[in-house]
Amino acid sequence: MGALKVGGLGEFLREQRRGAQLSLRQLADAAGVSNPYLSQIERGLRKPSAEILQQLAKALRISAETLYVQAGILDARERDALEVPAAILMDPSINERQKQVLIQIYESFRKENAAVTGHVGENGGPAGGPHGDDNDQVTGTDGRAAAGVPVREEDQT
């Protein structure tokens, strides 16, 4: 069996494991996989399932989506579209109604940018940059109009 993509998932996992100061055996135990199987993943000899990647992510305390991107299961733009709502949902400082409103606003901005550019770029912004092109007009110095927040005339000084 030949190796998978060099420098891909296996190398990324090894770096994450070492950064977390875990031995191969410790990570294997924490993720519920065998030590030899994890070793084969790190060496690029095995391609783990999404479920195994999820277990590894949990043990490493990183997002499963990050590993999915490394494994080629998920596109980086798709990951961004999943991670932002997940972060909003996990925030204990806002209530459920506020969480749903924030997610709806985020999704509407992504759709609006996709309609203008043809697709959504990294960080949810239009392709070509996180802030759109240089011709965007922002009303007021605090950027409220650009964020879809109405600016009253008395606020524009």
N, C-alpha and C. Protein backbone atom coordinates (compact mmCIF):
# COMPACT_ATOMS: atom_id res chain seq x y z
N MET A 1 0.85 -1.18 0.00
CA MET A 1 0.00 0.00 0.00
C MET A 1 0.89 1.23 0.00
N GLY A 2 0.71 2.18 -0.92
CA GLY A 2 1.53 3.37 -1.01
C GLY A 2 1.07 4.44 -0.04
N ALA A 3 1.95 5.39 0.20
CA ALA A 3 1.65 6.49 1.11
C ALA A 3 0.66 7.45 0.47
N LEU A 4 -0.12 8.09 1.32
CA LEU A 4 -1.05 9.11 0.86
C LEU A 4 -0.27 10.41 0.63
N LYS A 5 -0.97 11.52 0.54
CA LYS A 5 -0.36 12.81 0.29
C LYS A 5 0.75 13.11 1.31
N VAL A 6 1.96 13.36 0.82
CA VAL A 6 3.09 13.67 1.69
C VAL A 6 2.86 15.05 2.31
N GLY A 7 3.13 15.15 3.60
CA GLY A 7 2.97 16.43 4.27
C GLY A 7 1.52 16.77 4.55
N GLY A 8 0.65 15.83 4.40
CA GLY A 8 -0.77 16.08 4.58
C GLY A 8 -1.24 15.83 5.99
N LEU A 9 -2.27 15.05 6.08
CA LEU A 9 -2.93 14.78 7.35
C LEU A 9 -1.98 14.19 8.39
N GLY A 10 -1.20 13.19 8.01
CA GLY A 10 -0.32 12.52 8.97
C GLY A 10 0.66 13.47 9.63
N GLU A 11 1.30 14.29 8.81
CA GLU A 11 2.26 15.25 9.34
C GLU A 11 1.55 16.28 10.23
N PHE A 12 0.38 16.72 9.80
CA PHE A 12 -0.39 17.68 10.59
C PHE A 12 -0.76 17.08 11.95
N LEU A 13 -1.23 15.83 11.94
CA LEU A 13 -1.57 15.16 13.19
C LEU A 13 -0.35 15.04 14.11
N ARG A 14 0.78 14.67 13.55
CA ARG A 14 2.00 14.54 14.35
C ARG A 14 2.37 15.87 14.98
N GLU A 15 2.28 16.96 14.21
CA GLU A 15 2.58 18.29 14.75
C GLU A 15 1.62 18.66 15.87
N GLN A 16 0.33 18.37 15.68
CA GLN A 16 -0.66 18.67 16.70
C GLN A 16 -0.41 17.86 17.97
N ARG A 17 -0.08 16.59 17.78
CA ARG A 17 0.19 15.70 18.91
C ARG A 17 1.40 16.19 19.69
N ARG A 18 2.45 16.53 19.00
CA ARG A 18 3.66 17.02 19.66
C ARG A 18 3.41 18.36 20.34
N GLY A 19 2.63 19.21 19.69
CA GLY A 19 2.27 20.50 20.29
C GLY A 19 1.48 20.33 21.58
N ALA A 20 0.67 19.29 21.62
CA ALA A 20 -0.13 18.99 22.82
C ALA A 20 0.68 18.18 23.84
N GLN A 21 1.95 17.90 23.51
CA GLN A 21 2.86 17.15 24.37
C GLN A 21 2.29 15.78 24.75
N LEU A 22 1.78 15.09 23.71
CA LEU A 22 1.23 13.75 23.89
C LEU A 22 2.11 12.76 23.14
N SER A 23 2.31 11.60 23.74
CA SER A 23 2.99 10.53 23.03
C SER A 23 1.99 9.90 22.06
N LEU A 24 2.51 9.11 21.14
CA LEU A 24 1.64 8.41 20.21
C LEU A 24 0.65 7.53 20.98
N ARG A 25 1.14 6.84 21.99
CA ARG A 25 0.30 5.95 22.80
C ARG A 25 -0.77 6.75 23.56
N GLN A 26 -0.40 7.89 24.12
CA GLN A 26 -1.37 8.70 24.87
C GLN A 26 -2.50 9.18 23.96
N LEU A 27 -2.15 9.65 22.76
CA LEU A 27 -3.18 10.12 21.83
C LEU A 27 -4.05 8.95 21.37
N ALA A 28 -3.44 7.83 21.08
CA ALA A 28 -4.21 6.66 20.65
C ALA A 28 -5.21 6.26 21.73
N ASP A 29 -4.76 6.23 22.99
CA ASP A 29 -5.65 5.88 24.10
C ASP A 29 -6.77 6.90 24.25
N ALA A 30 -6.44 8.18 24.18
CA ALA A 30 -7.43 9.25 24.35
C ALA A 30 -8.47 9.23 23.22
N ALA A 31 -8.04 8.86 22.02
CA ALA A 31 -8.94 8.85 20.87
C ALA A 31 -9.65 7.51 20.69
N GLY A 32 -9.23 6.50 21.43
CA GLY A 32 -9.87 5.19 21.31
C GLY A 32 -9.48 4.43 20.06
N VAL A 33 -8.25 4.64 19.60
CA VAL A 33 -7.74 3.88 18.44
C VAL A 33 -6.48 3.14 18.88
N SER A 34 -6.08 2.18 18.10
CA SER A 34 -4.88 1.43 18.46
C SER A 34 -3.63 2.25 18.15
N ASN A 35 -2.58 1.97 18.90
CA ASN A 35 -1.31 2.64 18.70
C ASN A 35 -0.76 2.40 17.28
N PRO A 36 -0.75 1.14 16.78
CA PRO A 36 -0.24 0.91 15.42
C PRO A 36 -1.07 1.63 14.34
N TYR A 37 -2.40 1.69 14.54
CA TYR A 37 -3.26 2.36 13.56
C TYR A 37 -2.94 3.85 13.50
N LEU A 38 -2.78 4.48 14.68
CA LEU A 38 -2.44 5.91 14.71
C LEU A 38 -1.08 6.15 14.06
N SER A 39 -0.14 5.26 14.33
CA SER A 39 1.18 5.38 13.72
C SER A 39 1.08 5.32 12.19
N GLN A 40 0.25 4.42 11.68
CA GLN A 40 0.07 4.31 10.22
C GLN A 40 -0.58 5.57 9.65
N ILE A 41 -1.51 6.16 10.39
CA ILE A 41 -2.13 7.42 9.93
C ILE A 41 -1.07 8.50 9.84
N GLU A 42 -0.26 8.63 10.90
CA GLU A 42 0.78 9.67 10.91
C GLU A 42 1.81 9.47 9.81
N ARG A 43 2.07 8.24 9.44
CA ARG A 43 3.04 7.97 8.37
C ARG A 43 2.40 8.02 6.98
N GLY A 44 1.12 8.28 6.92
CA GLY A 44 0.45 8.39 5.63
C GLY A 44 0.09 7.07 4.99
N LEU A 45 0.08 5.99 5.78
CA LEU A 45 -0.22 4.67 5.24
C LEU A 45 -1.70 4.32 5.32
N ARG A 46 -2.43 5.00 6.17
CA ARG A 46 -3.87 4.77 6.35
C ARG A 46 -4.62 6.08 6.24
N LYS A 47 -5.81 5.99 5.69
CA LYS A 47 -6.69 7.15 5.61
C LYS A 47 -7.86 6.90 6.56
N PRO A 48 -7.94 7.66 7.65
CA PRO A 48 -8.98 7.42 8.65
C PRO A 48 -10.35 7.92 8.19
N SER A 49 -11.37 7.33 8.78
CA SER A 49 -12.74 7.76 8.49
C SER A 49 -13.01 9.10 9.19
N ALA A 50 -14.11 9.72 8.83
CA ALA A 50 -14.51 10.98 9.47
C ALA A 50 -14.74 10.76 10.96
N GLU A 51 -15.26 9.60 11.32
CA GLU A 51 -15.51 9.30 12.74
C GLU A 51 -14.20 9.24 13.52
N ILE A 52 -13.19 8.59 12.96
CA ILE A 52 -11.88 8.50 13.63
C ILE A 52 -11.26 9.89 13.72
N LEU A 53 -11.40 10.68 12.66
CA LEU A 53 -10.87 12.05 12.69
C LEU A 53 -11.54 12.87 13.79
N GLN A 54 -12.83 12.65 13.96
CA GLN A 54 -13.56 13.35 15.01
C GLN A 54 -13.03 12.96 16.39
N GLN A 55 -12.76 11.68 16.60
CA GLN A 55 -12.22 11.20 17.87
C GLN A 55 -10.82 11.79 18.11
N LEU A 56 -10.00 11.83 17.07
CA LEU A 56 -8.67 12.41 17.20
C LEU A 56 -8.74 13.90 17.51
N ALA A 57 -9.65 14.60 16.84
CA ALA A 57 -9.81 16.04 17.07
C ALA A 57 -10.21 16.31 18.52
N LYS A 58 -11.14 15.52 19.01
CA LYS A 58 -11.58 15.69 20.39
C LYS A 58 -10.42 15.46 21.35
N ALA A 59 -9.63 14.42 21.12
CA ALA A 59 -8.49 14.12 21.98
C ALA A 59 -7.42 15.22 21.91
N LEU A 60 -7.27 15.84 20.73
CA LEU A 60 -6.29 16.91 20.55
C LEU A 60 -6.84 18.29 20.92
N ARG A 61 -8.15 18.34 21.16
CA ARG A 61 -8.84 19.59 21.49
C ARG A 61 -8.72 20.62 20.37
N ILE A 62 -8.96 20.12 19.16
CA ILE A 62 -9.04 20.99 17.98
C ILE A 62 -10.36 20.66 17.28
N SER A 63 -10.75 21.49 16.33
CA SER A 63 -12.01 21.23 15.64
C SER A 63 -11.87 20.06 14.66
N ALA A 64 -12.91 19.26 14.60
CA ALA A 64 -12.93 18.15 13.65
C ALA A 64 -12.84 18.68 12.23
N GLU A 65 -13.44 19.84 11.99
CA GLU A 65 -13.43 20.43 10.65
C GLU A 65 -12.00 20.69 10.18
N THR A 66 -11.12 21.08 11.10
CA THR A 66 -9.72 21.31 10.75
C THR A 66 -9.09 20.03 10.22
N LEU A 67 -9.37 18.91 10.87
CA LEU A 67 -8.83 17.63 10.39
C LEU A 67 -9.50 17.20 9.10
N TYR A 68 -10.79 17.49 8.95
CA TYR A 68 -11.49 17.15 7.70
C TYR A 68 -10.85 17.87 6.52
N VAL A 69 -10.47 19.14 6.72
CA VAL A 69 -9.82 19.90 5.65
C VAL A 69 -8.47 19.25 5.32
N GLN A 70 -7.69 18.92 6.36
CA GLN A 70 -6.38 18.29 6.15
C GLN A 70 -6.51 16.96 5.41
N ALA A 71 -7.59 16.23 5.68
CA ALA A 71 -7.80 14.92 5.05
C ALA A 71 -8.44 15.04 3.67
N GLY A 72 -8.83 16.25 3.27
CA GLY A 72 -9.45 16.45 1.97
C GLY A 72 -10.93 16.11 1.95
N ILE A 73 -11.53 15.95 3.12
CA ILE A 73 -12.96 15.63 3.20
C ILE A 73 -13.79 16.91 3.07
N LEU A 74 -13.23 18.01 3.51
CA LEU A 74 -13.95 19.27 3.57
C LEU A 74 -13.09 20.37 2.98
N ASP A 75 -13.69 21.24 2.21
CA ASP A 75 -13.01 22.39 1.65
C ASP A 75 -12.87 23.46 2.74
N ALA A 76 -11.80 24.24 2.70
CA ALA A 76 -11.56 25.26 3.73
C ALA A 76 -12.71 26.26 3.80
N ARG A 77 -13.32 26.60 2.66
CA ARG A 77 -14.44 27.55 2.68
C ARG A 77 -15.65 26.93 3.37
N GLU A 78 -15.86 25.63 3.15
CA GLU A 78 -16.96 24.95 3.82
C GLU A 78 -16.72 24.91 5.33
N ARG A 79 -15.46 24.71 5.73
CA ARG A 79 -15.12 24.69 7.15
C ARG A 79 -15.48 26.02 7.79
N ASP A 80 -15.11 27.12 7.14
CA ASP A 80 -15.43 28.44 7.69
C ASP A 80 -16.92 28.60 7.88
N ALA A 81 -17.69 28.12 6.90
CA ALA A 81 -19.14 28.25 6.98
C ALA A 81 -19.71 27.43 8.14
N LEU A 82 -19.02 26.38 8.57
CA LEU A 82 -19.47 25.56 9.69
C LEU A 82 -18.94 26.06 11.03
N GLU A 83 -17.71 26.56 11.05
CA GLU A 83 -17.10 26.94 12.31
C GLU A 83 -17.70 28.19 12.93
N VAL A 84 -18.05 29.17 12.13
CA VAL A 84 -18.61 30.40 12.69
C VAL A 84 -19.93 30.13 13.40
N PRO A 85 -20.90 29.47 12.78
CA PRO A 85 -22.13 29.17 13.51
C PRO A 85 -21.89 28.29 14.75
N ALA A 86 -20.95 27.37 14.65
CA ALA A 86 -20.65 26.51 15.81
C ALA A 86 -20.11 27.35 16.96
N ALA A 87 -19.25 28.31 16.66
CA ALA A 87 -18.71 29.18 17.70
C ALA A 87 -19.82 30.03 18.32
N ILE A 88 -20.71 30.52 17.50
CA ILE A 88 -21.84 31.32 18.01
C ILE A 88 -22.69 30.47 18.94
N LEU A 89 -22.99 29.25 18.52
CA LEU A 89 -23.84 28.37 19.33
C LEU A 89 -23.20 28.01 20.67
N MET A 90 -21.88 28.01 20.75
CA MET A 90 -21.20 27.65 21.99
C MET A 90 -21.03 28.82 22.95
N ASP A 91 -21.32 30.04 22.52
CA ASP A 91 -21.10 31.22 23.36
C ASP A 91 -22.13 31.28 24.48
N PRO A 92 -21.70 31.15 25.74
CA PRO A 92 -22.65 31.16 26.85
C PRO A 92 -23.15 32.56 27.22
N SER A 93 -22.53 33.60 26.66
CA SER A 93 -22.88 34.95 27.06
C SER A 93 -24.09 35.53 26.33
N ILE A 94 -24.60 34.80 25.32
CA ILE A 94 -25.79 35.27 24.60
C ILE A 94 -26.86 34.20 24.63
N ASN A 95 -28.13 34.65 24.54
CA ASN A 95 -29.23 33.68 24.64
C ASN A 95 -29.51 33.04 23.27
N GLU A 96 -30.39 32.05 23.27
CA GLU A 96 -30.67 31.28 22.05
C GLU A 96 -31.22 32.14 20.92
N ARG A 97 -32.10 33.06 21.23
CA ARG A 97 -32.66 33.94 20.20
C ARG A 97 -31.55 34.78 19.57
N GLN A 98 -30.67 35.33 20.40
CA GLN A 98 -29.56 36.13 19.88
C GLN A 98 -28.63 35.28 19.01
N LYS A 99 -28.39 34.05 19.42
CA LYS A 99 -27.54 33.15 18.63
C LYS A 99 -28.14 32.92 17.24
N GLN A 100 -29.45 32.66 17.20
CA GLN A 100 -30.10 32.39 15.91
C GLN A 100 -30.07 33.64 15.02
N VAL A 101 -30.26 34.81 15.61
CA VAL A 101 -30.22 36.06 14.83
C VAL A 101 -28.82 36.26 14.25
N LEU A 102 -27.78 36.05 15.07
CA LEU A 102 -26.41 36.21 14.58
C LEU A 102 -26.11 35.24 13.43
N ILE A 103 -26.54 34.01 13.58
CA ILE A 103 -26.31 33.02 12.52
C ILE A 103 -27.04 33.43 11.24
N GLN A 104 -28.27 33.92 11.37
CA GLN A 104 -29.01 34.36 10.19
C GLN A 104 -28.31 35.53 9.50
N ILE A 105 -27.80 36.47 10.28
CA ILE A 105 -27.08 37.61 9.70
C ILE A 105 -25.83 37.12 8.98
N TYR A 106 -25.08 36.25 9.63
CA TYR A 106 -23.85 35.71 9.04
C TYR A 106 -24.15 35.01 7.71
N GLU A 107 -25.18 34.17 7.71
CA GLU A 107 -25.54 33.45 6.49
C GLU A 107 -26.02 34.39 5.39
N SER A 108 -26.74 35.46 5.78
CA SER A 108 -27.21 36.41 4.76
C SER A 108 -26.04 37.16 4.15
N PHE A 109 -25.02 37.51 4.94
CA PHE A 109 -23.83 38.17 4.40
C PHE A 109 -23.09 37.23 3.45
N ARG A 110 -22.97 35.96 3.80
CA ARG A 110 -22.29 35.01 2.92
C ARG A 110 -23.04 34.87 1.60
N LYS A 111 -24.38 34.78 1.66
CA LYS A 111 -25.17 34.67 0.44
C LYS A 111 -25.06 35.92 -0.41
N GLU A 112 -25.09 37.08 0.24
CA GLU A 112 -24.97 38.35 -0.48
C GLU A 112 -23.62 38.43 -1.19
N ASN A 113 -22.55 38.07 -0.50
CA ASN A 113 -21.22 38.10 -1.11
C ASN A 113 -21.08 37.07 -2.22
N ALA A 114 -21.69 35.92 -2.05
CA ALA A 114 -21.64 34.89 -3.08
C ALA A 114 -22.38 35.35 -4.33
N ALA A 115 -23.48 36.06 -4.14
CA ALA A 115 -24.26 36.55 -5.28
C ALA A 115 -23.48 37.59 -6.06
N VAL A 116 -22.71 38.40 -5.37
CA VAL A 116 -21.93 39.46 -6.01
C VAL A 116 -20.71 38.91 -6.73
N THR A 117 -20.03 37.97 -6.09
CA THR A 117 -18.76 37.50 -6.63
C THR A 117 -18.83 36.15 -7.32
N GLY A 118 -19.91 35.44 -7.12
CA GLY A 118 -20.02 34.12 -7.71
C GLY A 118 -19.70 33.01 -6.73
N HIS A 119 -18.92 33.34 -5.69
CA HIS A 119 -18.65 32.38 -4.62
C HIS A 119 -18.12 33.11 -3.41
N VAL A 120 -18.17 32.44 -2.29
CA VAL A 120 -17.72 33.04 -1.04
C VAL A 120 -16.26 32.67 -0.84
N GLY A 121 -15.44 33.66 -0.52
CA GLY A 121 -14.03 33.41 -0.27
C GLY A 121 -13.78 33.05 1.18
N GLU A 122 -12.51 32.99 1.54
CA GLU A 122 -12.13 32.64 2.90
C GLU A 122 -12.67 33.68 3.87
N ASN A 123 -12.89 33.28 5.10
CA ASN A 123 -13.39 34.12 6.17
C ASN A 123 -14.78 34.67 5.90
N GLY A 124 -15.50 34.06 4.98
CA GLY A 124 -16.87 34.48 4.72
C GLY A 124 -16.98 35.71 3.86
N GLY A 125 -15.86 36.30 3.47
CA GLY A 125 -15.88 37.49 2.63
C GLY A 125 -15.91 37.08 1.18
N PRO A 126 -16.07 38.06 0.30
CA PRO A 126 -16.07 37.72 -1.12
C PRO A 126 -14.71 37.20 -1.55
N ALA A 127 -14.68 36.42 -2.59
CA ALA A 127 -13.43 35.88 -3.09
C ALA A 127 -12.52 37.02 -3.46
N GLY A 128 -11.23 36.83 -3.25
CA GLY A 128 -10.28 37.87 -3.58
C GLY A 128 -9.83 38.64 -2.36
N GLY A 129 -10.46 38.47 -1.23
CA GLY A 129 -10.04 39.15 -0.01
C GLY A 129 -11.12 39.13 1.03
N PRO A 130 -10.74 39.26 2.27
CA PRO A 130 -11.74 39.17 3.33
C PRO A 130 -12.64 40.38 3.44
N HIS A 131 -12.29 41.49 2.80
CA HIS A 131 -13.08 42.70 2.96
C HIS A 131 -13.69 43.20 1.66
N GLY A 132 -13.68 42.42 0.63
CA GLY A 132 -14.25 42.87 -0.64
C GLY A 132 -13.24 43.71 -1.40
N ASP A 133 -13.72 44.37 -2.45
CA ASP A 133 -12.77 45.17 -3.22
C ASP A 133 -12.56 46.52 -2.56
N ASP A 134 -11.60 47.28 -3.05
CA ASP A 134 -11.25 48.55 -2.44
C ASP A 134 -12.26 49.65 -2.72
N ASN A 135 -13.28 49.38 -3.52
CA ASN A 135 -14.27 50.39 -3.85
C ASN A 135 -15.46 50.38 -2.91
N ASP A 136 -15.45 49.52 -1.88
CA ASP A 136 -16.55 49.49 -0.93
C ASP A 136 -16.61 50.82 -0.20
N GLN A 137 -17.82 51.36 -0.06
CA GLN A 137 -17.98 52.60 0.67
C GLN A 137 -18.48 52.29 2.06
N VAL A 138 -17.86 52.92 3.04
CA VAL A 138 -18.25 52.76 4.43
C VAL A 138 -18.74 54.10 4.92
N THR A 139 -19.96 54.13 5.46
CA THR A 139 -20.49 55.36 6.00
C THR A 139 -20.11 55.44 7.46
N GLY A 140 -19.51 56.54 7.87
CA GLY A 140 -19.10 56.70 9.26
C GLY A 140 -17.77 56.00 9.49
N THR A 141 -17.07 56.43 10.54
CA THR A 141 -15.76 55.87 10.80
C THR A 141 -15.82 54.57 11.56
N ASP A 142 -16.98 54.24 12.12
CA ASP A 142 -17.07 53.00 12.90
C ASP A 142 -17.53 51.82 12.06
N GLY A 143 -17.82 52.01 10.78
CA GLY A 143 -18.15 50.92 9.88
C GLY A 143 -19.56 50.37 10.06
N ARG A 144 -20.44 51.07 10.80
CA ARG A 144 -21.76 50.52 11.05
C ARG A 144 -22.59 50.36 9.77
N ALA A 145 -22.51 51.29 8.87
CA ALA A 145 -23.31 51.15 7.64
C ALA A 145 -22.82 49.98 6.82
N ALA A 146 -21.50 49.76 6.81
CA ALA A 146 -20.96 48.63 6.05
C ALA A 146 -21.41 47.30 6.66
N ALA A 147 -21.69 47.31 7.94
CA ALA A 147 -22.12 46.08 8.61
C ALA A 147 -23.63 45.93 8.56
N GLY A 148 -24.32 46.82 7.83
CA GLY A 148 -25.76 46.70 7.71
C GLY A 148 -26.51 47.38 8.85
N VAL A 149 -25.79 48.17 9.67
CA VAL A 149 -26.45 48.88 10.76
C VAL A 149 -26.75 50.29 10.28
N PRO A 150 -28.02 50.73 10.35
CA PRO A 150 -28.35 52.07 9.87
C PRO A 150 -27.59 53.14 10.65
N VAL A 151 -27.16 54.17 9.96
CA VAL A 151 -26.47 55.28 10.59
C VAL A 151 -27.35 56.50 10.44
N ARG A 152 -27.67 57.13 11.59
CA ARG A 152 -28.49 58.33 11.56
C ARG A 152 -27.65 59.51 11.12
N GLU A 153 -28.29 60.55 10.56
CA GLU A 153 -27.54 61.71 10.10
C GLU A 153 -26.74 62.35 11.21
N GLU A 154 -27.32 62.42 12.43
CA GLU A 154 -26.59 63.07 13.53
C GLU A 154 -25.36 62.26 13.95
N ASP A 155 -25.28 60.97 13.56
CA ASP A 155 -24.11 60.16 13.87
C ASP A 155 -22.95 60.43 12.90
N GLN A 156 -23.24 61.03 11.78
CA GLN A 156 -22.22 61.28 10.77
C GLN A 156 -21.66 62.68 10.99
N THR A 157 -20.56 62.77 11.70
CA THR A 157 -19.96 64.08 11.96
C THR A 157 -18.57 64.14 11.43
